[in-house]
C-alpha atoms as a PDB file:
ATOM      1  CA  MET A   1     -14.975 -44.952 -11.393  1.00  0.00           C
ATOM      2  CA  SER A   2     -17.490 -42.388 -12.565  1.00  0.00           C
ATOM      3  CA  THR A   3     -20.478 -42.714 -14.816  1.00  0.00           C
ATOM      4  CA  LEU A   4     -22.659 -39.620 -14.811  1.00  0.00           C
ATOM      5  CA  PHE A   5     -26.249 -38.981 -15.751  1.00  0.00           C
ATOM      6  CA  PRO A   6     -26.708 -36.296 -18.401  1.00  0.00           C
ATOM      7  CA  ASP A   7     -26.767 -32.760 -17.005  1.00  0.00           C
ATOM      8  CA  SER A   8     -30.326 -32.253 -18.196  1.00  0.00           C
ATOM      9  CA  ALA A   9     -32.129 -33.005 -14.945  1.00  0.00           C
ATOM     10  CA  SER A  10     -35.899 -32.747 -14.963  1.00  0.00           C
ATOM     11  CA  GLU A  11     -37.609 -29.696 -13.536  1.00  0.00           C
ATOM     12  CA  ALA A  12     -38.998 -31.840 -10.730  1.00  0.00           C
ATOM     13  CA  GLU A  13     -35.508 -32.364  -9.362  1.00  0.00           C
ATOM     14  CA  SER A  14     -33.796 -29.181 -10.511  1.00  0.00           C
ATOM     15  CA  ASP A  15     -34.061 -27.690  -7.029  1.00  0.00           C
ATOM     16  CA  LEU A  16     -31.857 -30.522  -5.753  1.00  0.00           C
ATOM     17  CA  LEU A  17     -29.004 -29.197  -7.876  1.00  0.00           C
ATOM     18  CA  THR A  18     -29.492 -25.517  -7.168  1.00  0.00           C
ATOM     19  CA  GLY A  19     -26.507 -23.973  -5.459  1.00  0.00           C
ATOM     20  CA  LEU A  20     -24.209 -26.935  -6.067  1.00  0.00           C
ATOM     21  CA  ASN A  21     -20.904 -26.455  -7.847  1.00  0.00           C
ATOM     22  CA  ASP A  22     -19.884 -28.745 -10.716  1.00  0.00           C
ATOM     23  CA  PRO A  23     -18.104 -31.425  -8.615  1.00  0.00           C
ATOM     24  CA  GLN A  24     -20.968 -31.479  -6.109  1.00  0.00           C
ATOM     25  CA  ARG A  25     -23.498 -31.762  -8.908  1.00  0.00           C
ATOM     26  CA  ALA A  26     -21.539 -34.625 -10.481  1.00  0.00           C
ATOM     27  CA  ALA A  27     -21.475 -36.451  -7.123  1.00  0.00           C
ATOM     28  CA  VAL A  28     -25.245 -36.085  -6.718  1.00  0.00           C
ATOM     29  CA  LEU A  29     -25.931 -37.377 -10.245  1.00  0.00           C
ATOM     30  CA  HIS A  30     -23.337 -40.181 -10.309  1.00  0.00           C
ATOM     31  CA  ALA A  31     -24.717 -43.660 -11.002  1.00  0.00           C
ATOM     32  CA  GLY A  32     -23.428 -47.202 -11.203  1.00  0.00           C
ATOM     33  CA  THR A  33     -19.847 -47.581 -10.067  1.00  0.00           C
ATOM     34  CA  PRO A  34     -18.695 -46.998  -6.461  1.00  0.00           C
ATOM     35  CA  LEU A  35     -18.201 -43.324  -5.689  1.00  0.00           C
ATOM     36  CA  LEU A  36     -15.699 -41.759  -3.285  1.00  0.00           C
ATOM     37  CA  ILE A  37     -16.237 -38.112  -2.361  1.00  0.00           C
ATOM     38  CA  VAL A  38     -13.187 -36.586  -0.678  1.00  0.00           C
ATOM     39  CA  ALA A  39     -13.462 -33.035   0.608  1.00  0.00           C
ATOM     40  CA  GLY A  40     -12.359 -31.017   3.599  1.00  0.00           C
ATOM     41  CA  ALA A  41     -14.383 -29.837   6.568  1.00  0.00           C
ATOM     42  CA  GLY A  42     -16.944 -27.180   5.712  1.00  0.00           C
ATOM     43  CA  SER A  43     -16.973 -28.017   2.008  1.00  0.00           C
ATOM     44  CA  GLY A  44     -20.571 -29.215   1.887  1.00  0.00           C
ATOM     45  CA  LYS A  45     -19.991 -32.991   2.031  1.00  0.00           C
ATOM     46  CA  THR A  46     -23.113 -33.635   4.087  1.00  0.00           C
ATOM     47  CA  ARG A  47     -25.206 -31.463   1.789  1.00  0.00           C
ATOM     48  CA  VAL A  48     -24.014 -33.465  -1.197  1.00  0.00           C
ATOM     49  CA  LEU A  49     -24.866 -36.714   0.558  1.00  0.00           C
ATOM     50  CA  THR A  50     -28.385 -35.617   1.515  1.00  0.00           C
ATOM     51  CA  HIS A  51     -29.067 -34.225  -1.956  1.00  0.00           C
ATOM     52  CA  ARG A  52     -27.781 -37.445  -3.492  1.00  0.00           C
ATOM     53  CA  ILE A  53     -30.215 -39.437  -1.348  1.00  0.00           C
ATOM     54  CA  ALA A  54     -33.072 -37.155  -2.404  1.00  0.00           C
ATOM     55  CA  HIS A  55     -32.017 -37.494  -6.063  1.00  0.00           C
ATOM     56  CA  LEU A  56     -32.026 -41.294  -5.824  1.00  0.00           C
ATOM     57  CA  ILE A  57     -35.578 -41.228  -4.512  1.00  0.00           C
ATOM     58  CA  ARG A  58     -37.092 -38.438  -6.590  1.00  0.00           C
ATOM     59  CA  ALA A  59     -35.286 -38.842  -9.912  1.00  0.00           C
ATOM     60  CA  ARG A  60     -34.255 -42.490 -10.040  1.00  0.00           C
ATOM     61  CA  GLY A  61     -37.274 -43.997  -8.332  1.00  0.00           C
ATOM     62  CA  VAL A  62     -35.380 -45.709  -5.529  1.00  0.00           C
ATOM     63  CA  ARG A  63     -37.638 -46.661  -2.616  1.00  0.00           C
ATOM     64  CA  PRO A  64     -36.485 -45.086   0.673  1.00  0.00           C
ATOM     65  CA  SER A  65     -36.472 -48.540   2.285  1.00  0.00           C
ATOM     66  CA  GLU A  66     -33.768 -49.580  -0.212  1.00  0.00           C
ATOM     67  CA  LEU A  67     -31.343 -46.996   1.174  1.00  0.00           C
ATOM     68  CA  LEU A  68     -28.898 -47.523   4.017  1.00  0.00           C
ATOM     69  CA  ALA A  69     -27.095 -44.360   5.122  1.00  0.00           C
ATOM     70  CA  ILE A  70     -24.412 -44.667   7.792  1.00  0.00           C
ATOM     71  CA  THR A  71     -23.019 -41.903   9.986  1.00  0.00           C
ATOM     72  CA  PHE A  72     -20.844 -41.979  13.095  1.00  0.00           C
ATOM     73  CA  THR A  73     -23.056 -40.304  15.689  1.00  0.00           C
ATOM     74  CA  ASN A  74     -26.756 -40.449  16.495  1.00  0.00           C
ATOM     75  CA  LYS A  75     -26.860 -36.659  16.252  1.00  0.00           C
ATOM     76  CA  ALA A  76     -25.448 -36.738  12.715  1.00  0.00           C
ATOM     77  CA  ALA A  77     -27.923 -39.471  11.746  1.00  0.00           C
ATOM     78  CA  GLY A  78     -30.841 -37.417  13.070  1.00  0.00           C
ATOM     79  CA  GLU A  79     -29.680 -34.305  11.246  1.00  0.00           C
ATOM     80  CA  MET A  80     -29.237 -36.215   7.997  1.00  0.00           C
ATOM     81  CA  LYS A  81     -32.733 -37.681   8.205  1.00  0.00           C
ATOM     82  CA  GLU A  82     -34.185 -34.226   8.920  1.00  0.00           C
ATOM     83  CA  ARG A  83     -32.381 -32.722   5.927  1.00  0.00           C
ATOM     84  CA  VAL A  84     -33.575 -35.481   3.610  1.00  0.00           C
ATOM     85  CA  ALA A  85     -37.126 -35.098   4.946  1.00  0.00           C
ATOM     86  CA  GLU A  86     -36.987 -31.398   4.088  1.00  0.00           C
ATOM     87  CA  LEU A  87     -36.176 -32.377   0.501  1.00  0.00           C
ATOM     88  CA  ILE A  88     -38.509 -35.325  -0.073  1.00  0.00           C
ATOM     89  CA  GLY A  89     -41.097 -35.235   2.708  1.00  0.00           C
ATOM     90  CA  PRO A  90     -42.296 -37.890   5.178  1.00  0.00           C
ATOM     91  CA  GLN A  91     -41.267 -40.853   3.042  1.00  0.00           C
ATOM     92  CA  ALA A  92     -37.773 -40.303   4.446  1.00  0.00           C
ATOM     93  CA  LYS A  93     -38.997 -42.042   7.606  1.00  0.00           C
ATOM     94  CA  SER A  94     -38.685 -45.459   5.968  1.00  0.00           C
ATOM     95  CA  MET A  95     -34.965 -44.994   5.271  1.00  0.00           C
ATOM     96  CA  TRP A  96     -32.320 -46.624   7.415  1.00  0.00           C
ATOM     97  CA  VAL A  97     -30.232 -43.651   8.565  1.00  0.00           C
ATOM     98  CA  SER A  98     -28.169 -44.611  11.566  1.00  0.00           C
ATOM     99  CA  THR A  99     -24.757 -45.248  13.039  1.00  0.00           C
ATOM    100  CA  PHE A 100     -22.928 -48.482  12.245  1.00  0.00           C
ATOM    101  CA  HIS A 101     -23.781 -49.777  15.699  1.00  0.00           C
ATOM    102  CA  SER A 102     -27.469 -48.881  15.524  1.00  0.00           C
ATOM    103  CA  ALA A 103     -27.809 -50.544  12.126  1.00  0.00           C
ATOM    104  CA  CYS A 104     -26.149 -53.676  13.496  1.00  0.00           C
ATOM    105  CA  VAL A 105     -28.459 -53.714  16.512  1.00  0.00           C
ATOM    106  CA  ARG A 106     -31.467 -53.722  14.169  1.00  0.00           C
ATOM    107  CA  ILE A 107     -30.028 -56.646  12.229  1.00  0.00           C
ATOM    108  CA  LEU A 108     -29.083 -58.574  15.358  1.00  0.00           C
ATOM    109  CA  ARG A 109     -32.472 -58.057  17.021  1.00  0.00           C
ATOM    110  CA  SER A 110     -33.975 -59.886  14.047  1.00  0.00           C
ATOM    111  CA  GLU A 111     -31.356 -62.617  13.738  1.00  0.00           C
ATOM    112  CA  ALA A 112     -29.764 -63.061  17.181  1.00  0.00           C
ATOM    113  CA  ASP A 113     -31.192 -66.544  17.694  1.00  0.00           C
ATOM    114  CA  ARG A 114     -28.959 -67.804  14.881  1.00  0.00           C
ATOM    115  CA  LEU A 115     -25.945 -66.851  17.016  1.00  0.00           C
ATOM    116  CA  GLY A 116     -27.262 -68.371  20.229  1.00  0.00           C
ATOM    117  CA  TYR A 117     -28.702 -65.174  21.747  1.00  0.00           C
ATOM    118  CA  THR A 118     -32.300 -64.226  22.378  1.00  0.00           C
ATOM    119  CA  LYS A 119     -33.631 -61.185  20.567  1.00  0.00           C
ATOM    120  CA  SER A 120     -33.858 -59.328  23.871  1.00  0.00           C
ATOM    121  CA  PHE A 121     -30.084 -59.459  24.400  1.00  0.00           C
ATOM    122  CA  SER A 122     -28.538 -56.741  26.552  1.00  0.00           C
ATOM    123  CA  ILE A 123     -25.902 -54.304  25.314  1.00  0.00           C
ATOM    124  CA  TYR A 124     -23.108 -53.528  27.758  1.00  0.00           C
ATOM    125  CA  ASP A 125     -21.803 -49.983  27.740  1.00  0.00           C
ATOM    126  CA  SER A 126     -18.161 -49.202  28.471  1.00  0.00           C
ATOM    127  CA  ALA A 127     -18.723 -49.116  32.242  1.00  0.00           C
ATOM    128  CA  ASP A 128     -20.505 -52.497  32.202  1.00  0.00           C
ATOM    129  CA  SER A 129     -17.751 -53.973  30.047  1.00  0.00           C
ATOM    130  CA  GLN A 130     -15.024 -52.648  32.317  1.00  0.00           C
ATOM    131  CA  ARG A 131     -16.705 -54.071  35.411  1.00  0.00           C
ATOM    132  CA  LEU A 132     -16.995 -57.463  33.744  1.00  0.00           C
ATOM    133  CA  MET A 133     -13.354 -57.465  32.681  1.00  0.00           C
ATOM    134  CA  THR A 134     -12.304 -56.518  36.215  1.00  0.00           C
ATOM    135  CA  MET A 135     -14.255 -59.502  37.547  1.00  0.00           C
ATOM    136  CA  VAL A 136     -12.706 -61.768  34.912  1.00  0.00           C
ATOM    137  CA  CYS A 137      -9.178 -60.687  35.843  1.00  0.00           C
ATOM    138  CA  ARG A 138      -9.968 -61.221  39.509  1.00  0.00           C
ATOM    139  CA  ASP A 139     -11.361 -64.709  38.829  1.00  0.00           C
ATOM    140  CA  LEU A 140      -8.186 -65.541  36.908  1.00  0.00           C
ATOM    141  CA  ASP A 141      -6.183 -64.376  39.925  1.00  0.00           C
ATOM    142  CA  LEU A 142      -4.294 -61.784  37.904  1.00  0.00           C
ATOM    143  CA  ASP A 143      -2.297 -59.082  39.658  1.00  0.00           C
ATOM    144  CA  PRO A 144      -4.074 -55.822  38.662  1.00  0.00           C
ATOM    145  CA  LYS A 145      -0.775 -53.932  38.683  1.00  0.00           C
ATOM    146  CA  ARG A 146       0.892 -56.344  36.283  1.00  0.00           C
ATOM    147  CA  TYR A 147      -2.279 -57.084  34.326  1.00  0.00           C
ATOM    148  CA  PRO A 148      -4.466 -53.926  34.435  1.00  0.00           C
ATOM    149  CA  PRO A 149      -8.089 -54.783  33.571  1.00  0.00           C
ATOM    150  CA  ARG A 150      -8.485 -51.533  31.628  1.00  0.00           C
ATOM    151  CA  SER A 151      -5.547 -52.475  29.418  1.00  0.00           C
ATOM    152  CA  PHE A 152      -7.112 -55.899  28.846  1.00  0.00           C
ATOM    153  CA  SER A 153     -10.400 -54.233  27.883  1.00  0.00           C
ATOM    154  CA  ASN A 154      -8.609 -52.049  25.350  1.00  0.00           C
ATOM    155  CA  GLN A 155      -6.789 -55.019  23.844  1.00  0.00           C
ATOM    156  CA  VAL A 156     -10.000 -57.039  23.560  1.00  0.00           C
ATOM    157  CA  SER A 157     -11.678 -54.056  21.893  1.00  0.00           C
ATOM    158  CA  ASN A 158      -8.809 -53.874  19.412  1.00  0.00           C
ATOM    159  CA  PHE A 159      -9.173 -57.577  18.671  1.00  0.00           C
ATOM    160  CA  LYS A 160     -12.873 -57.144  17.932  1.00  0.00           C
ATOM    161  CA  ASN A 161     -12.281 -54.118  15.726  1.00  0.00           C
ATOM    162  CA  GLU A 162      -9.958 -56.365  13.700  1.00  0.00           C
ATOM    163  CA  LEU A 163     -12.543 -59.215  13.707  1.00  0.00           C
ATOM    164  CA  ILE A 164     -10.253 -61.446  15.774  1.00  0.00           C
ATOM    165  CA  ASP A 165     -12.202 -63.745  18.100  1.00  0.00           C
ATOM    166  CA  TYR A 166     -10.742 -65.216  21.286  1.00  0.00           C
ATOM    167  CA  GLU A 167      -9.776 -68.481  19.595  1.00  0.00           C
ATOM    168  CA  ALA A 168      -7.791 -66.617  16.949  1.00  0.00           C
ATOM    169  CA  ALA A 169      -6.277 -64.388  19.627  1.00  0.00           C
ATOM    170  CA  ALA A 170      -5.089 -67.479  21.503  1.00  0.00           C
ATOM    171  CA  ALA A 171      -3.728 -69.072  18.338  1.00  0.00           C
ATOM    172  CA  GLN A 172      -1.610 -66.041  17.449  1.00  0.00           C
ATOM    173  CA  ALA A 173      -0.351 -65.362  20.986  1.00  0.00           C
ATOM    174  CA  THR A 174       3.424 -65.740  21.231  1.00  0.00           C
ATOM    175  CA  SER A 175       4.197 -64.381  24.693  1.00  0.00           C
ATOM    176  CA  HIS A 176       2.883 -65.103  28.171  1.00  0.00           C
ATOM    177  CA  GLN A 177       1.287 -61.645  28.229  1.00  0.00           C
ATOM    178  CA  GLU A 178      -0.564 -62.271  24.969  1.00  0.00           C
ATOM    179  CA  GLN A 179      -1.672 -65.722  26.145  1.00  0.00           C
ATOM    180  CA  THR A 180      -3.000 -64.195  29.354  1.00  0.00           C
ATOM    181  CA  VAL A 181      -4.952 -61.565  27.433  1.00  0.00           C
ATOM    182  CA  ALA A 182      -6.418 -64.270  25.187  1.00  0.00           C
ATOM    183  CA  GLN A 183      -7.415 -66.304  28.238  1.00  0.00           C
ATOM    184  CA  ALA A 184      -9.168 -63.287  29.739  1.00  0.00           C
ATOM    185  CA  TYR A 185     -10.810 -62.558  26.386  1.00  0.00           C
ATOM    186  CA  ALA A 186     -12.220 -66.094  26.242  1.00  0.00           C
ATOM    187  CA  LEU A 187     -13.646 -65.956  29.767  1.00  0.00           C
ATOM    188  CA  TYR A 188     -14.988 -62.456  29.156  1.00  0.00           C
ATOM    189  CA  GLN A 189     -16.881 -63.661  26.063  1.00  0.00           C
ATOM    190  CA  ARG A 190     -18.254 -66.690  27.876  1.00  0.00           C
ATOM    191  CA  ARG A 191     -19.553 -64.440  30.649  1.00  0.00           C
ATOM    192  CA  LEU A 192     -21.171 -62.138  28.110  1.00  0.00           C
ATOM    193  CA  ARG A 193     -22.817 -65.061  26.361  1.00  0.00           C
ATOM    194  CA  SER A 194     -24.114 -66.541  29.617  1.00  0.00           C
ATOM    195  CA  ALA A 195     -25.675 -63.149  30.413  1.00  0.00           C
ATOM    196  CA  ASN A 196     -27.260 -62.962  26.944  1.00  0.00           C
ATOM    197  CA  ALA A 197     -25.255 -59.789  26.432  1.00  0.00           C
ATOM    198  CA  MET A 198     -23.013 -58.141  23.867  1.00  0.00           C
ATOM    199  CA  ASP A 199     -20.593 -55.301  24.321  1.00  0.00           C
ATOM    200  CA  PHE A 200     -20.323 -52.315  21.995  1.00  0.00           C
ATOM    201  CA  ASP A 201     -17.628 -53.881  19.826  1.00  0.00           C
ATOM    202  CA  ASP A 202     -19.532 -57.167  19.539  1.00  0.00           C
ATOM    203  CA  LEU A 203     -22.336 -55.429  17.663  1.00  0.00           C
ATOM    204  CA  ILE A 204     -20.326 -55.040  14.476  1.00  0.00           C
ATOM    205  CA  MET A 205     -18.163 -58.148  14.814  1.00  0.00           C
ATOM    206  CA  LEU A 206     -21.153 -60.422  15.425  1.00  0.00           C
ATOM    207  CA  THR A 207     -23.093 -58.852  12.558  1.00  0.00           C
ATOM    208  CA  VAL A 208     -20.177 -59.567  10.228  1.00  0.00           C
ATOM    209  CA  ASN A 209     -20.010 -63.127  11.612  1.00  0.00           C
ATOM    210  CA  LEU A 210     -23.749 -63.499  11.041  1.00  0.00           C
ATOM    211  CA  LEU A 211     -23.588 -62.322   7.425  1.00  0.00           C
ATOM    212  CA  GLN A 212     -20.599 -64.547   6.671  1.00  0.00           C
ATOM    213  CA  ALA A 213     -22.029 -67.644   8.373  1.00  0.00           C
ATOM    214  CA  PHE A 214     -25.581 -67.448   7.007  1.00  0.00           C
ATOM    215  CA  PRO A 215     -25.695 -66.707   3.250  1.00  0.00           C
ATOM    216  CA  GLU A 216     -29.486 -66.495   3.276  1.00  0.00           C
ATOM    217  CA  VAL A 217     -29.355 -63.651   5.800  1.00  0.00           C
ATOM    218  CA  LEU A 218     -26.698 -61.834   3.790  1.00  0.00           C
ATOM    219  CA  GLN A 219     -28.718 -62.208   0.605  1.00  0.00           C
ATOM    220  CA  SER A 220     -31.849 -60.834   2.271  1.00  0.00           C
ATOM    221  CA  TYR A 221     -30.035 -57.637   3.263  1.00  0.00           C
ATOM    222  CA  ARG A 222     -28.331 -57.367  -0.116  1.00  0.00           C
ATOM    223  CA  ARG A 223     -31.755 -57.605  -1.754  1.00  0.00           C
ATOM    224  CA  ARG A 224     -33.042 -54.903   0.563  1.00  0.00           C
ATOM    225  CA  PHE A 225     -30.245 -52.361   0.333  1.00  0.00           C
ATOM    226  CA  GLY A 226     -29.584 -51.410  -3.261  1.00  0.00           C
ATOM    227  CA  HIS A 227     -27.834 -48.202  -2.202  1.00  0.00           C
ATOM    228  CA  ILE A 228     -25.393 -47.786   0.674  1.00  0.00           C
ATOM    229  CA  LEU A 229     -23.967 -44.413   1.661  1.00  0.00           C
ATOM    230  CA  VAL A 230     -21.302 -43.916   4.335  1.00  0.00           C
ATOM    231  CA  ASP A 231     -20.361 -40.553   5.828  1.00  0.00           C
ATOM    232  CA  GLU A 232     -16.959 -39.877   7.422  1.00  0.00           C
ATOM    233  CA  TYR A 233     -15.476 -42.948   5.737  1.00  0.00           C
ATOM    234  CA  GLN A 234     -12.015 -42.047   7.032  1.00  0.00           C
ATOM    235  CA  ASP A 235     -13.251 -43.003  10.501  1.00  0.00           C
ATOM    236  CA  THR A 236     -14.109 -46.604   9.607  1.00  0.00           C
ATOM    237  CA  ASN A 237     -12.138 -49.401  11.202  1.00  0.00           C
ATOM    238  CA  HIS A 238     -11.516 -52.862   9.761  1.00  0.00           C
ATOM    239  CA  ALA A 239     -14.726 -54.405  11.119  1.00  0.00           C
ATOM    240  CA  GLN A 240     -16.836 -51.590   9.690  1.00  0.00           C
ATOM    241  CA  TYR A 241     -14.984 -51.844   6.393  1.00  0.00           C
ATOM    242  CA  VAL A 242     -15.740 -55.566   6.142  1.00  0.00           C
ATOM    243  CA  LEU A 243     -19.379 -54.981   7.069  1.00  0.00           C
ATOM    244  CA  VAL A 244     -19.750 -52.568   4.155  1.00  0.00           C
ATOM    245  CA  ARG A 245     -17.966 -55.009   1.833  1.00  0.00           C
ATOM    246  CA  GLU A 246     -20.350 -57.809   2.791  1.00  0.00           C
ATOM    247  CA  LEU A 247     -23.432 -55.682   2.184  1.00  0.00           C
ATOM    248  CA  ILE A 248     -22.225 -54.282  -1.134  1.00  0.00           C
ATOM    249  CA  GLY A 249     -21.775 -57.452  -3.111  1.00  0.00           C
ATOM    250  CA  PRO A 250     -20.601 -58.763  -5.523  1.00  0.00           C
ATOM    251  CA  ALA A 251     -23.658 -59.434  -7.668  1.00  0.00           C
ATOM    252  CA  VAL A 252     -25.077 -62.904  -7.086  1.00  0.00           C
ATOM    253  CA  GLY A 253     -27.744 -64.330  -9.372  1.00  0.00           C
ATOM    254  CA  LEU A 254     -30.607 -61.849  -9.551  1.00  0.00           C
ATOM    255  CA  ILE A 255     -29.156 -59.704  -6.767  1.00  0.00           C
ATOM    256  CA  PRO A 256     -27.090 -56.885  -8.290  1.00  0.00           C
ATOM    257  CA  GLN A 257     -24.173 -55.279  -6.529  1.00  0.00           C
ATOM    258  CA  ALA A 258     -25.378 -52.393  -4.401  1.00  0.00           C
ATOM    259  CA  GLU A 259     -24.354 -48.868  -5.358  1.00  0.00           C
ATOM    260  CA  LEU A 260     -21.855 -47.488  -2.859  1.00  0.00           C
ATOM    261  CA  CYS A 261     -21.149 -43.846  -2.100  1.00  0.00           C
ATOM    262  CA  VAL A 262     -18.707 -42.887   0.639  1.00  0.00           C
ATOM    263  CA  VAL A 263     -17.758 -39.435   1.853  1.00  0.00           C
ATOM    264  CA  GLY A 264     -14.571 -38.659   3.707  1.00  0.00           C
ATOM    265  CA  ASP A 265     -11.665 -36.383   4.460  1.00  0.00           C
ATOM    266  CA  SER A 266      -8.232 -38.016   4.241  1.00  0.00           C
ATOM    267  CA  ASP A 267      -6.775 -35.275   6.437  1.00  0.00           C
ATOM    268  CA  GLN A 268      -9.176 -35.757   9.335  1.00  0.00           C
ATOM    269  CA  SER A 269      -9.916 -38.814  11.431  1.00  0.00           C
ATOM    270  CA  ILE A 270     -11.382 -38.529  14.929  1.00  0.00           C
ATOM    271  CA  TYR A 271     -11.820 -42.218  15.713  1.00  0.00           C
ATOM    272  CA  ALA A 272      -8.268 -43.520  15.474  1.00  0.00           C
ATOM    273  CA  PHE A 273      -8.609 -44.784  19.048  1.00  0.00           C
ATOM    274  CA  ARG A 274     -11.275 -47.208  17.811  1.00  0.00           C
ATOM    275  CA  GLY A 275      -9.015 -48.648  15.160  1.00  0.00           C
ATOM    276  CA  ALA A 276     -10.033 -46.332  12.336  1.00  0.00           C
ATOM    277  CA  THR A 277      -7.676 -46.610   9.397  1.00  0.00           C
ATOM    278  CA  ILE A 278      -7.138 -44.003   6.715  1.00  0.00           C
ATOM    279  CA  ARG A 279      -6.242 -46.906   4.419  1.00  0.00           C
ATOM    280  CA  ASN A 280      -9.948 -47.361   3.737  1.00  0.00           C
ATOM    281  CA  ILE A 281     -10.008 -44.025   1.914  1.00  0.00           C
ATOM    282  CA  LEU A 282      -6.573 -44.153   0.353  1.00  0.00           C
ATOM    283  CA  GLN A 283      -7.176 -47.565  -1.234  1.00  0.00           C
ATOM    284  CA  PHE A 284     -10.862 -47.144  -2.099  1.00  0.00           C
ATOM    285  CA  GLU A 285     -10.344 -47.434  -5.835  1.00  0.00           C
ATOM    286  CA  GLN A 286      -8.334 -50.636  -5.416  1.00  0.00           C
ATOM    287  CA  ASP A 287     -10.976 -52.109  -3.113  1.00  0.00           C
ATOM    288  CA  TYR A 288     -13.837 -51.096  -5.412  1.00  0.00           C
ATOM    289  CA  PRO A 289     -12.447 -51.097  -8.981  1.00  0.00           C
END
């Protein structure tokens, strides 16, 4: 899993390694195979990630535009970009440093017409989504006490985090309750589509659908992103996991497999309510041999 550069870093990049311990230094210098960095809170994970990004640019000649760095909050993304800029200067501006959802919005704004949306599609927040689901349940004449719209919204969100569309949800339904949820899911999606809108969970699911349905789009992003870095990997759900898998590879023709570096803490996950699964960390080496 690990192939390291020699320890003799050039003077030009020696400051990037100053103050790092041996494991941190090895993580910054690692090249080639997928790299998993597991460390607890307060152990300097983010510092390692930012110094690794700076090392890729300054020592290995990677263009900032070839880097995709994913975090879980806009605040964390902003802080990461600031830290990298302190190390390498204004060229950091051309990097993609964002949340999963923000990265997907950028992709979808460019490619939405392939999925039947205009590029000016709206994004429904949780309140918008809940209002729409309430209207859907009312139009289906569902008793709100027996079929609470909020519960339906949560179940639809879970479906999307597992990349299950409404047709698949209907096909796997075995009870009247599950069939009713699938029916509401289908109407909910039709209403979103007619409004040229996506909800928060659609952003990742539809991006995965896009990359899987249009090989030329997938190849264009694989050509672009030769290095993908993911912070807080323990907080990824199935949809986010598949998105990373699609962007990484395998190598196809002249397009090499992207280098992957993920950082996580197997003892800490704060997004379990969004379907995050610790499996993504625990089985990393099996997923990326």
